[in-house]
Structures are given as C-alpha cells and as structure tokens.
Protein backbone atom coordinates (compact mmCIF):
# COMPACT_ATOMS: atom_id res chain seq x y z
CA MET A 1 0.00 0.00 0.00
CA LEU A 2 1.29 3.44 -0.92
CA ALA A 3 1.80 6.08 1.74
CA PHE A 4 -0.11 9.34 1.50
CA ARG A 5 1.53 11.64 -1.08
CA GLU A 6 4.04 9.00 -2.17
CA MET A 7 5.35 9.82 -5.62
CA PRO A 8 4.95 7.31 -8.45
CA ALA A 9 7.99 5.25 -9.36
CA ARG A 10 8.49 7.26 -12.55
CA TYR A 11 6.51 9.75 -14.54
CA ASP A 12 7.38 12.34 -17.14
CA ILE A 13 5.52 15.41 -18.32
CA ASP A 14 5.39 16.37 -21.97
CA ALA A 15 3.11 17.97 -24.51
CA MET A 16 -0.12 16.12 -25.21
CA ARG A 17 -0.28 14.53 -28.65
CA GLU A 18 -3.08 13.10 -30.76
CA ARG A 19 -2.22 9.57 -29.66
CA ASP A 20 -2.87 10.60 -26.02
CA VAL A 21 -6.48 11.67 -26.65
CA PRO A 22 -8.21 8.33 -25.82
CA ASP A 23 -6.22 7.94 -22.59
CA VAL A 24 -6.88 11.51 -21.48
CA ALA A 25 -10.60 11.22 -22.28
CA SER A 26 -10.84 8.02 -20.23
CA LEU A 27 -9.22 9.54 -17.14
CA ASP A 28 -11.32 12.67 -17.22
CA GLU A 29 -14.89 11.35 -17.19
CA ALA A 30 -15.99 13.76 -14.46
CA ALA A 31 -15.04 16.82 -16.54
CA ARG A 32 -16.78 15.42 -19.61
CA MET A 33 -13.82 16.07 -21.89
CA ASP A 34 -14.58 13.60 -24.64
CA GLU A 35 -12.23 12.77 -27.50
CA ALA A 36 -13.82 15.24 -29.92
CA HIS A 37 -13.47 18.09 -27.43
CA LEU A 38 -9.86 17.17 -26.70
CA ARG A 39 -9.03 17.06 -30.41
CA THR A 40 -10.58 20.50 -30.81
CA GLU A 41 -8.40 21.78 -27.95
CA LEU A 42 -5.28 20.29 -29.54
CA SER A 43 -6.05 22.19 -32.75
CA ARG A 44 -6.36 25.60 -31.05
CA ALA A 45 -3.30 27.80 -31.53
CA TRP A 46 -3.66 29.20 -28.00
CA ALA A 47 -4.12 25.86 -26.19
CA ARG A 48 -1.21 24.40 -24.23
CA THR A 49 -1.78 20.89 -22.94
CA TRP A 50 0.59 18.60 -21.08
CA VAL A 51 0.27 15.00 -19.93
CA ALA A 52 1.93 13.14 -17.08
CA ARG A 53 3.09 9.63 -17.94
CA GLU A 54 4.00 6.78 -15.67
CA GLU A 55 6.06 4.58 -17.94
CA ASP A 56 3.84 4.62 -21.06
CA ASP A 57 0.54 5.21 -19.26
CA VAL A 58 -1.10 8.65 -19.19
CA VAL A 59 -1.92 9.35 -15.54
CA GLY A 60 -2.82 13.03 -15.66
CA TYR A 61 -3.15 16.10 -17.81
CA ILE A 62 -3.52 19.86 -17.71
CA LEU A 63 -5.21 21.97 -20.37
CA THR A 64 -4.44 25.70 -20.49
CA TRP A 65 -5.14 28.60 -22.82
CA HIS A 66 -2.42 31.18 -23.44
CA VAL A 67 -4.16 34.40 -24.43
CA ALA A 68 -2.19 37.66 -24.50
CA ASP A 69 -0.44 37.95 -21.12
CA GLU A 70 -2.68 35.40 -19.35
CA LEU A 71 -2.58 31.67 -18.90
CA HIS A 72 -6.00 30.25 -18.08
CA VAL A 73 -6.07 26.76 -16.56
CA MET A 74 -9.09 25.12 -18.14
CA ASN A 75 -8.76 21.67 -16.61
CA VAL A 76 -6.45 19.52 -14.50
CA ALA A 77 -7.16 15.85 -13.94
CA THR A 78 -5.33 12.85 -12.51
CA ARG A 79 -6.31 9.23 -12.98
CA ALA A 80 -8.38 8.16 -9.96
CA ASP A 81 -5.94 5.45 -8.85
CA ARG A 82 -2.99 7.87 -9.02
CA ARG A 83 -4.36 10.81 -7.05
CA ARG A 84 -2.59 12.33 -4.02
CA ARG A 85 0.86 11.41 -5.38
CA GLY A 86 2.04 14.80 -6.62
CA ILE A 87 1.04 14.42 -10.27
CA GLY A 88 -1.35 17.39 -10.18
CA SER A 89 1.38 19.47 -8.52
CA ALA A 90 3.89 18.47 -11.20
CA LEU A 91 1.44 19.45 -13.94
CA MET A 92 0.83 22.82 -12.28
CA ARG A 93 4.60 23.36 -11.95
CA GLU A 94 4.93 22.71 -15.70
CA ALA A 95 2.22 25.25 -16.53
CA ILE A 96 3.70 27.83 -14.14
CA ALA A 97 7.18 27.32 -15.60
CA TYR A 98 5.70 27.89 -19.05
CA ALA A 99 4.00 31.06 -17.77
CA ARG A 100 7.26 32.40 -16.37
CA ASP A 101 9.15 31.53 -19.54
CA LYS A 102 6.58 33.39 -21.66
CA ARG A 103 6.50 36.36 -19.23
CA ILE A 104 2.82 35.86 -18.54
CA ARG A 105 1.46 38.30 -15.96
CA HIS A 106 -1.08 36.02 -14.28
CA VAL A 107 -2.51 32.52 -14.27
CA LEU A 108 -6.27 32.18 -13.83
CA LEU A 109 -8.55 29.26 -13.00
CA GLU A 110 -11.96 28.34 -11.60
CA VAL A 111 -12.44 25.63 -9.00
CA ARG A 112 -15.53 24.20 -7.34
CA ARG A 113 -16.19 25.85 -4.00
CA SER A 114 -16.43 22.36 -2.43
CA ASN A 115 -13.06 21.18 -3.79
CA ALA A 116 -10.92 21.99 -0.76
CA ALA A 117 -8.08 19.71 -1.89
CA ALA A 118 -7.71 21.51 -5.22
CA MET A 119 -7.89 24.92 -3.57
CA ALA A 120 -5.16 23.88 -1.13
CA LEU A 121 -3.00 22.76 -4.05
CA TYR A 122 -3.48 26.06 -5.86
CA ARG A 123 -2.85 28.08 -2.70
CA ALA A 124 0.44 26.20 -2.21
CA PHE A 125 1.58 27.77 -5.50
CA GLY A 126 0.46 31.25 -4.42
CA PHE A 127 -3.00 31.48 -5.98
CA PHE A 128 -5.59 33.59 -4.14
CA ALA A 129 -9.37 33.86 -4.46
CA MET A 130 -10.43 36.91 -6.42
CA GLY A 131 -14.10 36.19 -7.06
CA VAL A 132 -16.99 33.75 -7.00
CA ARG A 133 -19.12 32.77 -9.96
CA ALA A 134 -22.51 31.82 -8.58
CA ARG A 135 -24.02 28.60 -9.91
CA TYR A 136 -21.21 28.25 -12.47
CA TYR A 137 -21.28 24.47 -12.82
CA PRO A 138 -24.13 22.45 -14.37
CA ASP A 139 -25.17 21.21 -10.90
CA ASP A 140 -25.41 24.89 -9.76
CA GLU A 141 -22.32 24.76 -7.56
CA ASP A 142 -20.35 28.00 -7.30
CA ALA A 143 -16.89 28.39 -8.81
CA VAL A 144 -14.13 30.19 -6.96
CA GLU A 145 -12.03 32.31 -9.31
CA MET A 146 -8.36 32.10 -8.37
CA VAL A 147 -5.35 33.93 -9.73
CA LEU A 148 -1.58 33.70 -9.47
CA LEU A 149 0.22 37.01 -10.08
CA PHE A 150 3.81 37.43 -11.25
CA ASP A 151 6.00 40.47 -10.71
CA PRO A 152 6.73 41.61 -14.29
CA ALA A 153 10.32 42.60 -13.45
CA THR A 154 11.40 39.48 -11.57
CA GLY A 155 8.92 36.76 -12.57
CA LYS A 156 8.40 35.96 -8.90
CA VAL A 157 4.97 35.20 -7.49
CA VAL A 158 3.32 38.22 -5.89
CA LYS A 159 1.81 37.28 -2.53
CA HIS A 160 -1.78 38.45 -2.20
CA GLU A 161 -4.64 37.95 0.24
CA ASP A 162 -8.03 36.66 -0.91
CA GLU A 163 -10.20 39.40 -2.36
CA VAL A 164 -13.42 37.57 -1.49
CA ARG A 165 -14.58 35.82 1.62
CA LEU A 166 -15.21 32.12 1.07
CA GLY A 167 -16.41 31.02 4.48
C-alpha cells in the first residue's frame, strides 16, 4: 500500500499529442472532456496541454489557454488510482514554468467551492481567491475564481490575500 503523497515510481511530463487523446478522455470522465473536445483543444493555436506519464501510461493532464499575457487553466485531472501522489502538482509546476518563460502576468482558473483539496493545491503555489461565480457548474455549484500574479520585473509570485470571503 502506498503512503499518502508518495510519488509514483516514474513519470514524465510532456506535450499532449493526438495519440494521447483516448487515454486523457478516459481519465477525465468527471469533466466530460470527450475525445472530440480534446481534439478541438489540440487544434487551437492558443491551447497548451501537457500529460503526465507513468512509464507509457497517461496518468494526468492539464489543459491551459495562453491568451495575450494570461494563462487560463481550463482543466487539471489525474487518474483516480494515481491521485494524491504529486502528479497534479507536477502538472501545475509545468504550466507555471511555461507562464514564467513566456513572461505571462497572471494565471487564472476556476475551482468548485467544495473542492478543498484543489484549492489547497493552488494556494500552495500562491494562488488567491479573487471572485466567486454563482451557480457556475451544471449542478449549480459556485466556482471560486483564483489567480496567481507574477512580478513583471522578476517573474516571482506576488503574494496576495483573498479578495473575497469564502467562508
């Protein structure tokens, strides 16, 4: 049995390719990202998508949109049997490294208000809550808008308190 937060034996992160689409679609049933939608995302000039592999198996992915000086995290998912092992963190690190490299000013995302684990992950990177979108999801759950700011001169994360009260 694996200990809490134990890292997988080996995984690599690289750009998602067409051949990854069926594996990514199968691990992301909850987000309803079917193969057609994923292929559309791969064709968008502004989409940046990475997968995490354990040996040859896709165990996670992150889909982002790079628009102007923003990187918007559209979706992050890890295969159910590989969660809580640092794969989501590694995918976020990849996206944040990309953002720094491209001199992006901020990274944006929405997360379910009830998803405390995801919010804790994002906060560990320096994200803060800047807004709430009421009844954003199909089941009417609110989305918390979170942002990660970079200092334009240094590329370092700018620490910031929540702008909205979540409790």
